[in-house]
Amino acid sequence: MATARALLTVAMLTGCPAERLGVPVPPRGVHAIQQEDLQRDVFHLLADGPLHPRHPDALAWVEQRLGQMNLEAISVPVEGVACALRQGSAQQAVLFVAPHADAGAEATALPDAALITLAKSTDGLGTPRRSLLFCSVPQAALPDLWSSPPSSWPSLDGTVIIRGLGGNTLSIDGPSAMESPSWELHTEQRELAPTEDGMERLNYVRVAEHLRDVHARLLAPQFTPEG
């Protein structure tokens, strides 16, 4: 019996779509955004405890997950920061940055989970027009990242900041009128103590819908040929 690898080779040589030969093809674009991924990442990013603290190995988890999306790891001389790059055709890049707190599922884990999911939604779509940078950053380290970005980075042509996304209605504020435009992603603001901010209260189906909207508005255009 032919293996999946052999079938895929035949599909490549004959030009037949892999789906027609029974080869499973991973979902791409908005279809790659799934609530199960979000829930799994939030689970791994949080440690046990009444304050729902960030897991000591959260940084390693983020680095591992971004690597699974076929991104190039980028070294950043700021403690606690993980960045990865999808190389584009142009010299400029759009930065997606997820600032996180130290405790609480929505405050400390959901931004990174959303970042990972958005990175996944770009895998397999080809080369974007602009490079795409994905960075997880402690909230306290954000000023250091802005003041001393790595010299290896391409020049930024826009920044997307991922805030709390646990609410009902997504807002995409921006673009700003600055030289390098910026957008901020958030839902309605809710004041929650870390003790109330557990992973079980998050509606992952709704968060996935928010991220599909973000992909359609801010990522998909990078993979659409300019007319």
N, C-alpha and C. Protein backbone atom coordinates (compact mmCIF):
# COMPACT_ATOMS: atom_id res chain seq x y z
N MET A 1 0.85 -1.20 0.00
CA MET A 1 0.00 0.00 0.00
C MET A 1 0.89 1.24 0.00
N ALA A 2 0.55 2.20 -0.83
CA ALA A 2 1.36 3.42 -0.92
C ALA A 2 1.26 4.22 0.37
N THR A 3 2.37 4.78 0.77
CA THR A 3 2.38 5.61 1.96
C THR A 3 1.89 7.00 1.62
N ALA A 4 1.57 7.77 2.67
CA ALA A 4 1.13 9.15 2.46
C ALA A 4 2.23 9.96 1.79
N ARG A 5 3.50 9.69 2.16
CA ARG A 5 4.61 10.41 1.55
C ARG A 5 4.69 10.11 0.05
N ALA A 6 4.49 8.83 -0.31
CA ALA A 6 4.53 8.47 -1.72
C ALA A 6 3.38 9.11 -2.49
N LEU A 7 2.20 9.14 -1.88
CA LEU A 7 1.05 9.78 -2.52
C LEU A 7 1.28 11.27 -2.72
N LEU A 8 1.90 11.89 -1.71
CA LEU A 8 2.18 13.31 -1.82
C LEU A 8 3.18 13.57 -2.95
N THR A 9 4.17 12.68 -3.09
CA THR A 9 5.14 12.82 -4.18
C THR A 9 4.45 12.72 -5.53
N VAL A 10 3.53 11.77 -5.66
CA VAL A 10 2.78 11.63 -6.90
C VAL A 10 1.99 12.89 -7.19
N ALA A 11 1.37 13.46 -6.14
CA ALA A 11 0.58 14.68 -6.32
C ALA A 11 1.46 15.82 -6.81
N MET A 12 2.67 15.91 -6.27
CA MET A 12 3.57 16.98 -6.69
C MET A 12 4.02 16.80 -8.13
N LEU A 13 4.27 15.56 -8.52
CA LEU A 13 4.78 15.29 -9.87
C LEU A 13 3.69 15.42 -10.93
N THR A 14 2.45 15.06 -10.55
CA THR A 14 1.38 15.06 -11.54
C THR A 14 0.54 16.31 -11.51
N GLY A 15 0.70 17.11 -10.47
CA GLY A 15 -0.09 18.32 -10.35
C GLY A 15 -1.47 18.07 -9.78
N CYS A 16 -1.74 16.87 -9.29
CA CYS A 16 -3.05 16.57 -8.70
C CYS A 16 -3.11 17.15 -7.29
N PRO A 17 -4.23 17.75 -6.91
CA PRO A 17 -4.37 18.22 -5.54
C PRO A 17 -4.20 17.06 -4.56
N ALA A 18 -3.46 17.32 -3.50
CA ALA A 18 -3.20 16.24 -2.53
C ALA A 18 -4.49 15.70 -1.94
N GLU A 19 -5.52 16.57 -1.76
CA GLU A 19 -6.76 16.12 -1.16
C GLU A 19 -7.41 15.02 -2.01
N ARG A 20 -7.26 15.10 -3.34
CA ARG A 20 -7.89 14.11 -4.22
C ARG A 20 -7.24 12.75 -4.09
N LEU A 21 -6.01 12.71 -3.60
CA LEU A 21 -5.31 11.44 -3.43
C LEU A 21 -5.42 10.93 -1.99
N GLY A 22 -6.22 11.60 -1.19
CA GLY A 22 -6.41 11.15 0.18
C GLY A 22 -5.32 11.55 1.14
N VAL A 23 -4.46 12.49 0.76
CA VAL A 23 -3.39 12.95 1.64
C VAL A 23 -3.92 14.09 2.51
N PRO A 24 -3.89 13.95 3.82
CA PRO A 24 -4.40 15.03 4.67
C PRO A 24 -3.54 16.28 4.53
N VAL A 25 -4.18 17.41 4.31
CA VAL A 25 -3.49 18.69 4.18
C VAL A 25 -3.88 19.56 5.37
N PRO A 26 -2.91 20.06 6.13
CA PRO A 26 -3.25 20.89 7.29
C PRO A 26 -4.05 22.11 6.88
N PRO A 27 -5.02 22.53 7.70
CA PRO A 27 -5.78 23.74 7.38
C PRO A 27 -4.87 24.96 7.39
N ARG A 28 -5.19 25.92 6.55
CA ARG A 28 -4.36 27.11 6.42
C ARG A 28 -5.22 28.36 6.53
N GLY A 29 -4.54 29.50 6.74
CA GLY A 29 -5.25 30.76 6.83
C GLY A 29 -6.22 30.78 7.99
N VAL A 30 -7.40 31.36 7.78
CA VAL A 30 -8.38 31.44 8.87
C VAL A 30 -8.81 30.06 9.34
N HIS A 31 -8.73 29.05 8.46
CA HIS A 31 -9.15 27.70 8.85
C HIS A 31 -8.17 27.05 9.82
N ALA A 32 -6.97 27.60 9.94
CA ALA A 32 -5.99 27.08 10.90
C ALA A 32 -6.21 27.62 12.30
N ILE A 33 -7.12 28.57 12.46
CA ILE A 33 -7.38 29.19 13.76
C ILE A 33 -8.43 28.35 14.48
N GLN A 34 -8.03 27.64 15.52
CA GLN A 34 -8.90 26.69 16.20
C GLN A 34 -8.85 26.91 17.70
N GLN A 35 -10.03 26.82 18.31
CA GLN A 35 -10.11 27.05 19.76
C GLN A 35 -9.33 26.02 20.56
N GLU A 36 -9.17 24.81 20.00
CA GLU A 36 -8.42 23.78 20.73
C GLU A 36 -6.97 24.18 20.91
N ASP A 37 -6.37 24.81 19.90
CA ASP A 37 -4.99 25.29 20.02
C ASP A 37 -4.88 26.37 21.10
N LEU A 38 -5.83 27.29 21.10
CA LEU A 38 -5.81 28.36 22.10
C LEU A 38 -5.89 27.79 23.51
N GLN A 39 -6.79 26.86 23.71
CA GLN A 39 -6.98 26.28 25.03
C GLN A 39 -5.73 25.51 25.48
N ARG A 40 -5.14 24.76 24.55
CA ARG A 40 -3.93 24.00 24.90
C ARG A 40 -2.78 24.93 25.25
N ASP A 41 -2.61 26.02 24.49
CA ASP A 41 -1.51 26.93 24.77
C ASP A 41 -1.71 27.65 26.09
N VAL A 42 -2.93 28.10 26.36
CA VAL A 42 -3.19 28.75 27.65
C VAL A 42 -2.88 27.79 28.80
N PHE A 43 -3.28 26.53 28.64
CA PHE A 43 -3.02 25.54 29.68
C PHE A 43 -1.52 25.40 29.96
N HIS A 44 -0.70 25.37 28.92
CA HIS A 44 0.74 25.20 29.09
C HIS A 44 1.44 26.48 29.57
N LEU A 45 0.82 27.61 29.35
CA LEU A 45 1.44 28.88 29.73
C LEU A 45 1.15 29.28 31.17
N LEU A 46 0.20 28.60 31.82
CA LEU A 46 -0.16 28.91 33.20
C LEU A 46 0.32 27.82 34.14
N ALA A 47 0.71 28.25 35.35
CA ALA A 47 1.07 27.30 36.40
C ALA A 47 -0.10 27.18 37.37
N ASP A 48 -0.06 26.16 38.22
CA ASP A 48 -1.10 25.98 39.23
C ASP A 48 -0.97 27.07 40.30
N GLY A 49 -2.09 27.44 40.88
CA GLY A 49 -2.07 28.41 41.97
C GLY A 49 -3.28 29.32 41.92
N PRO A 50 -3.71 29.83 43.07
CA PRO A 50 -4.92 30.66 43.12
C PRO A 50 -4.81 31.95 42.32
N LEU A 51 -3.57 32.44 42.09
CA LEU A 51 -3.37 33.67 41.32
C LEU A 51 -3.20 33.40 39.83
N HIS A 52 -3.25 32.11 39.44
CA HIS A 52 -3.07 31.71 38.05
C HIS A 52 -1.79 32.34 37.46
N PRO A 53 -0.63 32.00 38.07
CA PRO A 53 0.63 32.62 37.63
C PRO A 53 1.11 32.06 36.29
N ARG A 54 1.98 32.83 35.66
CA ARG A 54 2.61 32.38 34.42
C ARG A 54 3.55 31.22 34.75
N HIS A 55 3.55 30.23 33.87
CA HIS A 55 4.38 29.04 34.10
C HIS A 55 5.85 29.39 33.95
N PRO A 56 6.74 28.83 34.80
CA PRO A 56 8.17 29.12 34.68
C PRO A 56 8.75 28.74 33.31
N ASP A 57 8.15 27.78 32.63
CA ASP A 57 8.65 27.35 31.32
C ASP A 57 7.85 27.96 30.17
N ALA A 58 7.09 29.03 30.45
CA ALA A 58 6.24 29.61 29.41
C ALA A 58 7.06 30.12 28.23
N LEU A 59 8.19 30.75 28.49
CA LEU A 59 9.01 31.28 27.41
C LEU A 59 9.47 30.17 26.47
N ALA A 60 9.91 29.06 27.04
CA ALA A 60 10.35 27.93 26.22
C ALA A 60 9.18 27.37 25.41
N TRP A 61 8.00 27.37 25.99
CA TRP A 61 6.82 26.88 25.26
C TRP A 61 6.52 27.77 24.06
N VAL A 62 6.56 29.09 24.26
CA VAL A 62 6.31 30.02 23.17
C VAL A 62 7.34 29.83 22.06
N GLU A 63 8.61 29.72 22.42
CA GLU A 63 9.66 29.52 21.42
C GLU A 63 9.44 28.23 20.65
N GLN A 64 9.07 27.17 21.35
CA GLN A 64 8.82 25.88 20.69
C GLN A 64 7.65 25.98 19.72
N ARG A 65 6.58 26.62 20.16
CA ARG A 65 5.38 26.71 19.33
C ARG A 65 5.60 27.58 18.10
N LEU A 66 6.31 28.69 18.26
CA LEU A 66 6.60 29.53 17.10
C LEU A 66 7.48 28.78 16.11
N GLY A 67 8.40 27.97 16.63
CA GLY A 67 9.23 27.16 15.75
C GLY A 67 8.42 26.15 14.96
N GLN A 68 7.35 25.63 15.54
CA GLN A 68 6.50 24.67 14.84
C GLN A 68 5.77 25.31 13.65
N MET A 69 5.70 26.64 13.65
CA MET A 69 5.03 27.35 12.56
C MET A 69 6.00 27.71 11.43
N ASN A 70 7.18 27.08 11.44
CA ASN A 70 8.19 27.29 10.39
C ASN A 70 8.65 28.75 10.33
N LEU A 71 8.82 29.34 11.50
CA LEU A 71 9.35 30.70 11.60
C LEU A 71 10.83 30.64 11.98
N GLU A 72 11.54 31.69 11.65
CA GLU A 72 12.95 31.80 12.00
C GLU A 72 13.09 32.50 13.35
N ALA A 73 13.71 31.84 14.32
CA ALA A 73 13.91 32.46 15.63
C ALA A 73 14.85 33.65 15.50
N ILE A 74 14.50 34.75 16.17
CA ILE A 74 15.29 35.98 16.15
C ILE A 74 15.77 36.28 17.56
N SER A 75 17.06 36.40 17.74
CA SER A 75 17.62 36.70 19.06
C SER A 75 17.35 38.16 19.43
N VAL A 76 16.87 38.35 20.66
CA VAL A 76 16.54 39.69 21.16
C VAL A 76 17.26 39.89 22.50
N PRO A 77 18.06 40.95 22.66
CA PRO A 77 18.81 41.15 23.90
C PRO A 77 17.98 41.76 25.02
N VAL A 78 16.75 41.27 25.19
CA VAL A 78 15.88 41.72 26.27
C VAL A 78 15.36 40.48 26.98
N GLU A 79 15.53 40.41 28.29
CA GLU A 79 15.19 39.21 29.04
C GLU A 79 13.70 38.89 28.93
N GLY A 80 13.40 37.62 28.72
CA GLY A 80 12.01 37.17 28.70
C GLY A 80 11.30 37.34 27.39
N VAL A 81 12.00 37.80 26.34
CA VAL A 81 11.38 38.06 25.05
C VAL A 81 11.66 36.91 24.09
N ALA A 82 10.62 36.50 23.35
CA ALA A 82 10.77 35.50 22.29
C ALA A 82 10.24 36.09 21.00
N CYS A 83 11.04 36.08 19.93
CA CYS A 83 10.63 36.64 18.64
C CYS A 83 10.95 35.65 17.53
N ALA A 84 10.10 35.64 16.51
CA ALA A 84 10.32 34.79 15.35
C ALA A 84 9.82 35.51 14.11
N LEU A 85 10.41 35.17 12.96
CA LEU A 85 10.21 35.91 11.72
C LEU A 85 9.75 35.00 10.59
N ARG A 86 8.76 35.50 9.81
CA ARG A 86 8.45 34.91 8.53
C ARG A 86 8.91 35.91 7.47
N GLN A 87 9.93 35.53 6.70
CA GLN A 87 10.56 36.43 5.75
C GLN A 87 9.60 36.78 4.62
N GLY A 88 9.54 38.07 4.30
CA GLY A 88 8.70 38.53 3.22
C GLY A 88 9.50 38.96 2.01
N SER A 89 8.81 39.43 0.98
CA SER A 89 9.46 39.86 -0.25
C SER A 89 10.09 41.24 -0.11
N ALA A 90 9.48 42.12 0.66
CA ALA A 90 9.97 43.49 0.82
C ALA A 90 10.93 43.59 1.99
N GLN A 91 11.59 44.73 2.11
CA GLN A 91 12.54 44.95 3.19
C GLN A 91 11.83 45.28 4.51
N GLN A 92 10.58 45.73 4.43
CA GLN A 92 9.87 46.14 5.63
C GLN A 92 9.19 44.95 6.30
N ALA A 93 8.82 45.17 7.58
CA ALA A 93 8.15 44.12 8.35
C ALA A 93 7.00 44.72 9.15
N VAL A 94 6.03 43.86 9.43
CA VAL A 94 4.95 44.20 10.36
C VAL A 94 5.18 43.37 11.62
N LEU A 95 5.19 44.02 12.77
CA LEU A 95 5.46 43.37 14.05
C LEU A 95 4.15 43.11 14.77
N PHE A 96 3.93 41.85 15.16
CA PHE A 96 2.82 41.47 16.03
C PHE A 96 3.43 41.19 17.40
N VAL A 97 3.03 41.97 18.39
CA VAL A 97 3.64 41.87 19.71
C VAL A 97 2.58 41.57 20.76
N ALA A 98 2.88 40.62 21.65
CA ALA A 98 1.96 40.21 22.70
C ALA A 98 2.58 40.53 24.06
N PRO A 99 2.24 41.68 24.66
CA PRO A 99 2.72 41.98 26.01
C PRO A 99 1.91 41.15 27.02
N HIS A 100 2.59 40.59 28.01
CA HIS A 100 1.89 39.77 29.00
C HIS A 100 2.24 40.19 30.42
N ALA A 101 1.29 39.95 31.32
CA ALA A 101 1.49 40.19 32.74
C ALA A 101 2.09 38.94 33.39
N ASP A 102 2.09 38.92 34.72
CA ASP A 102 2.68 37.79 35.44
C ASP A 102 1.66 36.80 35.96
N ALA A 103 0.37 37.17 35.95
CA ALA A 103 -0.65 36.30 36.52
C ALA A 103 -1.99 36.58 35.85
N GLY A 104 -2.82 35.54 35.84
CA GLY A 104 -4.14 35.65 35.24
C GLY A 104 -4.16 35.12 33.83
N ALA A 105 -5.15 34.28 33.50
CA ALA A 105 -5.19 33.63 32.19
C ALA A 105 -5.29 34.63 31.05
N GLU A 106 -6.21 35.58 31.15
CA GLU A 106 -6.37 36.53 30.05
C GLU A 106 -5.20 37.50 29.98
N ALA A 107 -4.64 37.84 31.14
CA ALA A 107 -3.58 38.84 31.16
C ALA A 107 -2.21 38.28 30.82
N THR A 108 -1.96 37.03 31.20
CA THR A 108 -0.59 36.52 31.03
C THR A 108 -0.45 35.42 29.99
N ALA A 109 -1.53 34.70 29.69
CA ALA A 109 -1.43 33.56 28.78
C ALA A 109 -2.14 33.78 27.45
N LEU A 110 -3.29 34.43 27.49
CA LEU A 110 -4.07 34.57 26.25
C LEU A 110 -3.36 35.41 25.18
N PRO A 111 -2.64 36.50 25.52
CA PRO A 111 -1.93 37.22 24.47
C PRO A 111 -0.95 36.33 23.70
N ASP A 112 -0.18 35.51 24.43
CA ASP A 112 0.77 34.61 23.76
C ASP A 112 0.05 33.54 22.96
N ALA A 113 -1.03 32.99 23.51
CA ALA A 113 -1.79 31.98 22.78
C ALA A 113 -2.34 32.56 21.48
N ALA A 114 -2.80 33.81 21.54
CA ALA A 114 -3.30 34.47 20.34
C ALA A 114 -2.17 34.71 19.34
N LEU A 115 -1.00 35.10 19.85
CA LEU A 115 0.16 35.32 18.99
C LEU A 115 0.54 34.05 18.23
N ILE A 116 0.58 32.93 18.95
CA ILE A 116 0.93 31.65 18.35
C ILE A 116 -0.09 31.26 17.28
N THR A 117 -1.37 31.47 17.58
CA THR A 117 -2.42 31.12 16.63
C THR A 117 -2.35 31.99 15.39
N LEU A 118 -2.08 33.28 15.55
CA LEU A 118 -1.94 34.15 14.38
C LEU A 118 -0.74 33.73 13.54
N ALA A 119 0.36 33.34 14.19
CA ALA A 119 1.52 32.84 13.46
C ALA A 119 1.16 31.58 12.68
N LYS A 120 0.40 30.69 13.32
CA LYS A 120 -0.02 29.45 12.65
C LYS A 120 -0.86 29.75 11.42
N SER A 121 -1.68 30.80 11.50
CA SER A 121 -2.57 31.12 10.39
C SER A 121 -1.82 31.61 9.15
N THR A 122 -0.53 31.91 9.29
CA THR A 122 0.27 32.34 8.14
C THR A 122 1.12 31.22 7.57
N ASP A 123 1.17 30.07 8.24
CA ASP A 123 2.02 28.98 7.79
C ASP A 123 1.42 28.32 6.55
N GLY A 124 2.25 28.11 5.54
CA GLY A 124 1.80 27.42 4.34
C GLY A 124 1.12 28.31 3.32
N LEU A 125 1.10 29.63 3.56
CA LEU A 125 0.45 30.54 2.63
C LEU A 125 1.41 31.12 1.59
N GLY A 126 2.67 30.75 1.69
CA GLY A 126 3.66 31.31 0.77
C GLY A 126 4.41 32.46 1.40
N THR A 127 5.04 33.27 0.59
CA THR A 127 5.85 34.39 1.08
C THR A 127 5.00 35.65 1.16
N PRO A 128 4.91 36.26 2.33
CA PRO A 128 4.14 37.50 2.44
C PRO A 128 4.86 38.66 1.76
N ARG A 129 4.12 39.72 1.45
CA ARG A 129 4.75 40.90 0.85
C ARG A 129 5.74 41.50 1.84
N ARG A 130 5.30 41.78 3.04
CA ARG A 130 6.19 42.27 4.09
C ARG A 130 6.54 41.11 5.03
N SER A 131 7.72 41.18 5.63
CA SER A 131 8.06 40.19 6.63
C SER A 131 7.11 40.32 7.82
N LEU A 132 6.89 39.21 8.51
CA LEU A 132 6.01 39.20 9.67
C LEU A 132 6.82 38.78 10.89
N LEU A 133 6.86 39.65 11.88
CA LEU A 133 7.56 39.38 13.14
C LEU A 133 6.53 39.10 14.23
N PHE A 134 6.77 38.05 14.99
CA PHE A 134 5.88 37.69 16.10
C PHE A 134 6.70 37.68 17.38
N CYS A 135 6.32 38.51 18.37
CA CYS A 135 7.11 38.64 19.59
C CYS A 135 6.24 38.53 20.83
N SER A 136 6.69 37.72 21.77
CA SER A 136 6.12 37.66 23.11
C SER A 136 7.02 38.47 24.04
N VAL A 137 6.41 39.41 24.79
CA VAL A 137 7.20 40.36 25.58
C VAL A 137 6.55 40.55 26.95
N PRO A 138 7.32 40.44 28.05
CA PRO A 138 6.77 40.85 29.34
C PRO A 138 6.36 42.32 29.29
N GLN A 139 5.22 42.64 29.88
CA GLN A 139 4.74 44.02 29.84
C GLN A 139 5.81 44.99 30.33
N ALA A 140 6.53 44.62 31.39
CA ALA A 140 7.55 45.51 31.95
C ALA A 140 8.73 45.72 31.01
N ALA A 141 8.94 44.79 30.08
CA ALA A 141 10.09 44.88 29.17
C ALA A 141 9.76 45.57 27.86
N LEU A 142 8.51 45.95 27.68
CA LEU A 142 8.10 46.56 26.42
C LEU A 142 8.88 47.84 26.10
N PRO A 143 9.10 48.74 27.06
CA PRO A 143 9.90 49.94 26.75
C PRO A 143 11.31 49.61 26.28
N ASP A 144 11.92 48.56 26.85
CA ASP A 144 13.27 48.17 26.42
C ASP A 144 13.26 47.67 24.99
N LEU A 145 12.21 46.96 24.60
CA LEU A 145 12.13 46.46 23.24
C LEU A 145 11.99 47.61 22.25
N TRP A 146 11.16 48.61 22.60
CA TRP A 146 10.98 49.76 21.71
C TRP A 146 12.25 50.58 21.59
N SER A 147 12.99 50.71 22.69
CA SER A 147 14.16 51.59 22.68
C SER A 147 15.38 50.96 22.03
N SER A 148 15.45 49.62 22.01
CA SER A 148 16.64 48.98 21.43
C SER A 148 16.25 47.73 20.66
N PRO A 149 15.54 47.89 19.54
CA PRO A 149 15.21 46.71 18.73
C PRO A 149 16.47 46.09 18.15
N PRO A 150 16.48 44.79 17.94
CA PRO A 150 17.67 44.12 17.41
C PRO A 150 18.07 44.69 16.05
N SER A 151 19.37 44.80 15.83
CA SER A 151 19.88 45.32 14.55
C SER A 151 19.55 44.39 13.39
N SER A 152 19.28 43.11 13.70
CA SER A 152 18.98 42.14 12.64
C SER A 152 17.54 42.27 12.13
N TRP A 153 16.73 43.06 12.82
CA TRP A 153 15.35 43.22 12.38
C TRP A 153 15.26 44.00 11.09
N PRO A 154 14.31 43.66 10.23
CA PRO A 154 14.01 44.56 9.11
C PRO A 154 13.34 45.82 9.64
N SER A 155 13.30 46.87 8.83
CA SER A 155 12.66 48.10 9.28
C SER A 155 11.15 47.87 9.42
N LEU A 156 10.58 48.41 10.49
CA LEU A 156 9.17 48.16 10.78
C LEU A 156 8.28 49.09 9.96
N ASP A 157 7.27 48.48 9.37
CA ASP A 157 6.30 49.24 8.57
C ASP A 157 4.92 49.17 9.23
N GLY A 158 4.88 48.78 10.49
CA GLY A 158 3.63 48.71 11.23
C GLY A 158 3.77 47.80 12.43
N THR A 159 2.98 48.06 13.46
CA THR A 159 3.00 47.26 14.69
C THR A 159 1.57 46.95 15.11
N VAL A 160 1.34 45.69 15.47
CA VAL A 160 0.04 45.26 15.96
C VAL A 160 0.24 44.77 17.39
N ILE A 161 -0.42 45.41 18.35
CA ILE A 161 -0.28 45.08 19.77
C ILE A 161 -1.49 44.27 20.21
N ILE A 162 -1.25 43.09 20.74
CA ILE A 162 -2.31 42.18 21.16
C ILE A 162 -2.55 42.37 22.65
N ARG A 163 -3.72 42.86 23.01
CA ARG A 163 -4.11 43.04 24.42
C ARG A 163 -5.10 41.95 24.82
N GLY A 164 -5.91 42.21 25.84
CA GLY A 164 -6.90 41.24 26.29
C GLY A 164 -7.96 40.99 25.24
N LEU A 165 -8.21 39.72 24.94
CA LEU A 165 -9.16 39.36 23.88
C LEU A 165 -10.29 38.47 24.40
N GLY A 166 -10.52 38.51 25.72
CA GLY A 166 -11.51 37.60 26.30
C GLY A 166 -12.93 38.09 26.27
N GLY A 167 -13.17 39.33 25.85
CA GLY A 167 -14.51 39.89 25.87
C GLY A 167 -15.34 39.55 24.65
N ASN A 168 -16.53 40.14 24.59
CA ASN A 168 -17.49 39.81 23.54
C ASN A 168 -17.18 40.46 22.21
N THR A 169 -16.73 41.72 22.23
CA THR A 169 -16.62 42.50 21.00
C THR A 169 -15.18 42.90 20.75
N LEU A 170 -14.67 42.56 19.58
CA LEU A 170 -13.29 42.89 19.21
C LEU A 170 -13.20 44.31 18.70
N SER A 171 -12.19 45.02 19.16
CA SER A 171 -11.86 46.34 18.61
C SER A 171 -10.46 46.28 18.02
N ILE A 172 -10.31 46.82 16.82
CA ILE A 172 -8.99 46.96 16.20
C ILE A 172 -8.77 48.45 16.03
N ASP A 173 -8.09 49.04 17.01
CA ASP A 173 -7.87 50.48 17.01
C ASP A 173 -6.69 50.82 16.11
N GLY A 174 -6.89 51.73 15.18
CA GLY A 174 -5.81 52.13 14.29
C GLY A 174 -6.27 52.06 12.85
N PRO A 175 -5.38 52.30 11.91
CA PRO A 175 -3.96 52.58 12.16
C PRO A 175 -3.74 53.98 12.71
N SER A 176 -2.66 54.13 13.46
CA SER A 176 -2.30 55.42 14.01
C SER A 176 -1.80 56.32 12.89
N ALA A 177 -1.66 57.59 13.22
CA ALA A 177 -1.16 58.56 12.24
C ALA A 177 0.35 58.71 12.30
N MET A 178 1.01 57.82 13.03
CA MET A 178 2.46 57.90 13.18
C MET A 178 3.14 57.47 11.88
N GLU A 179 4.46 57.76 11.81
CA GLU A 179 5.23 57.39 10.62
C GLU A 179 5.16 55.90 10.36
N SER A 180 5.27 55.10 11.45
CA SER A 180 5.06 53.66 11.36
C SER A 180 3.71 53.37 12.00
N PRO A 181 2.69 53.02 11.23
CA PRO A 181 1.35 52.88 11.81
C PRO A 181 1.28 51.74 12.81
N SER A 182 0.35 51.85 13.74
CA SER A 182 0.17 50.80 14.73
C SER A 182 -1.32 50.55 14.93
N TRP A 183 -1.61 49.32 15.29
CA TRP A 183 -2.98 48.90 15.61
C TRP A 183 -2.95 48.26 16.99
N GLU A 184 -4.05 48.36 17.73
CA GLU A 184 -4.16 47.70 19.03
C GLU A 184 -5.41 46.83 19.02
N LEU A 185 -5.23 45.57 19.37
CA LEU A 185 -6.32 44.61 19.42
C LEU A 185 -6.77 44.44 20.86
N HIS A 186 -8.05 44.59 21.10
CA HIS A 186 -8.56 44.39 22.46
C HIS A 186 -10.07 44.22 22.40
N THR A 187 -10.62 43.72 23.50
CA THR A 187 -12.06 43.70 23.68
C THR A 187 -12.38 44.66 24.82
N GLU A 188 -13.65 44.73 25.18
CA GLU A 188 -14.03 45.67 26.23
C GLU A 188 -13.23 45.41 27.50
N GLN A 189 -12.84 46.50 28.16
CA GLN A 189 -11.97 46.39 29.32
C GLN A 189 -12.76 45.90 30.54
N ARG A 190 -12.19 44.91 31.23
CA ARG A 190 -12.80 44.39 32.45
C ARG A 190 -11.73 44.29 33.52
N GLU A 191 -12.03 44.84 34.67
CA GLU A 191 -11.08 44.79 35.78
C GLU A 191 -11.27 43.48 36.53
N LEU A 192 -10.29 42.61 36.43
CA LEU A 192 -10.35 41.31 37.09
C LEU A 192 -9.12 41.10 37.95
N ALA A 193 -9.33 40.62 39.16
CA ALA A 193 -8.21 40.20 39.99
C ALA A 193 -7.66 38.90 39.44
N PRO A 194 -6.35 38.65 39.58
CA PRO A 194 -5.79 37.38 39.07
C PRO A 194 -6.51 36.15 39.60
N THR A 195 -7.04 36.23 40.83
CA THR A 195 -7.75 35.08 41.38
C THR A 195 -9.02 34.76 40.60
N GLU A 196 -9.58 35.76 39.91
CA GLU A 196 -10.79 35.56 39.12
C GLU A 196 -10.49 35.20 37.67
N ASP A 197 -9.24 35.33 37.29
CA ASP A 197 -8.85 35.22 35.87
C ASP A 197 -8.28 33.84 35.59
N GLY A 198 -9.14 32.82 35.69
CA GLY A 198 -8.71 31.45 35.41
C GLY A 198 -8.98 31.06 33.98
N MET A 199 -8.28 30.04 33.50
CA MET A 199 -8.42 29.65 32.10
C MET A 199 -9.80 29.09 31.79
N GLU A 200 -10.49 28.55 32.82
CA GLU A 200 -11.78 27.92 32.58
C GLU A 200 -12.88 28.94 32.24
N ARG A 201 -12.68 30.20 32.57
CA ARG A 201 -13.73 31.19 32.31
C ARG A 201 -13.65 31.75 30.89
N LEU A 202 -12.55 31.50 30.17
CA LEU A 202 -12.38 32.06 28.83
C LEU A 202 -13.23 31.31 27.81
N ASN A 203 -13.82 32.06 26.90
CA ASN A 203 -14.61 31.48 25.82
C ASN A 203 -13.70 31.36 24.59
N TYR A 204 -13.12 30.18 24.42
CA TYR A 204 -12.11 30.00 23.37
C TYR A 204 -12.73 30.03 21.97
N VAL A 205 -13.98 29.63 21.85
CA VAL A 205 -14.66 29.72 20.56
C VAL A 205 -14.75 31.17 20.12
N ARG A 206 -15.12 32.04 21.07
CA ARG A 206 -15.24 33.47 20.76
C ARG A 206 -13.88 34.09 20.45
N VAL A 207 -12.85 33.72 21.21
CA VAL A 207 -11.52 34.25 20.95
C VAL A 207 -11.06 33.84 19.56
N ALA A 208 -11.33 32.59 19.18
CA ALA A 208 -10.96 32.14 17.83
C ALA A 208 -11.65 32.97 16.76
N GLU A 209 -12.90 33.33 16.98
CA GLU A 209 -13.62 34.18 16.03
C GLU A 209 -12.95 35.56 15.94
N HIS A 210 -12.56 36.11 17.09
CA HIS A 210 -11.84 37.39 17.06
C HIS A 210 -10.58 37.28 16.19
N LEU A 211 -9.83 36.20 16.35
CA LEU A 211 -8.57 36.06 15.63
C LEU A 211 -8.78 35.80 14.14
N ARG A 212 -9.87 35.16 13.78
CA ARG A 212 -10.18 35.03 12.35
C ARG A 212 -10.42 36.41 11.73
N ASP A 213 -11.07 37.27 12.49
CA ASP A 213 -11.29 38.63 12.01
C ASP A 213 -9.97 39.36 11.87
N VAL A 214 -9.07 39.19 12.85
CA VAL A 214 -7.76 39.83 12.78
C VAL A 214 -6.99 39.33 11.56
N HIS A 215 -7.01 38.02 11.34
CA HIS A 215 -6.30 37.47 10.19
C HIS A 215 -6.83 38.07 8.90
N ALA A 216 -8.14 38.10 8.77
CA ALA A 216 -8.75 38.60 7.53
C ALA A 216 -8.39 40.06 7.27
N ARG A 217 -8.31 40.85 8.33
CA ARG A 217 -8.11 42.29 8.15
C ARG A 217 -6.63 42.69 8.11
N LEU A 218 -5.78 41.98 8.85
CA LEU A 218 -4.40 42.44 8.98
C LEU A 218 -3.35 41.49 8.40
N LEU A 219 -3.68 40.22 8.25
CA LEU A 219 -2.69 39.26 7.75
C LEU A 219 -2.96 38.82 6.31
N ALA A 220 -4.19 38.47 6.02
CA ALA A 220 -4.51 38.00 4.67
C ALA A 220 -4.07 38.97 3.58
N PRO A 221 -4.20 40.31 3.77
CA PRO A 221 -3.73 41.21 2.72
C PRO A 221 -2.24 41.08 2.39
N GLN A 222 -1.43 40.59 3.34
CA GLN A 222 -0.01 40.41 3.09
C GLN A 222 0.26 39.27 2.10
N PHE A 223 -0.73 38.39 1.92
CA PHE A 223 -0.56 37.24 1.02
C PHE A 223 -1.40 37.39 -0.24
N THR A 224 -2.04 38.56 -0.41
CA THR A 224 -2.87 38.81 -1.58
C THR A 224 -2.06 39.61 -2.59
N PRO A 225 -1.94 39.13 -3.83
CA PRO A 225 -1.18 39.90 -4.84
C PRO A 225 -1.76 41.28 -5.02
N GLU A 226 -0.89 42.26 -5.10
CA GLU A 226 -1.33 43.63 -5.31
C GLU A 226 -1.85 43.79 -6.74
N GLY A 227 -3.00 44.44 -6.83
CA GLY A 227 -3.61 44.64 -8.15
C GLY A 227 -3.05 45.85 -8.86
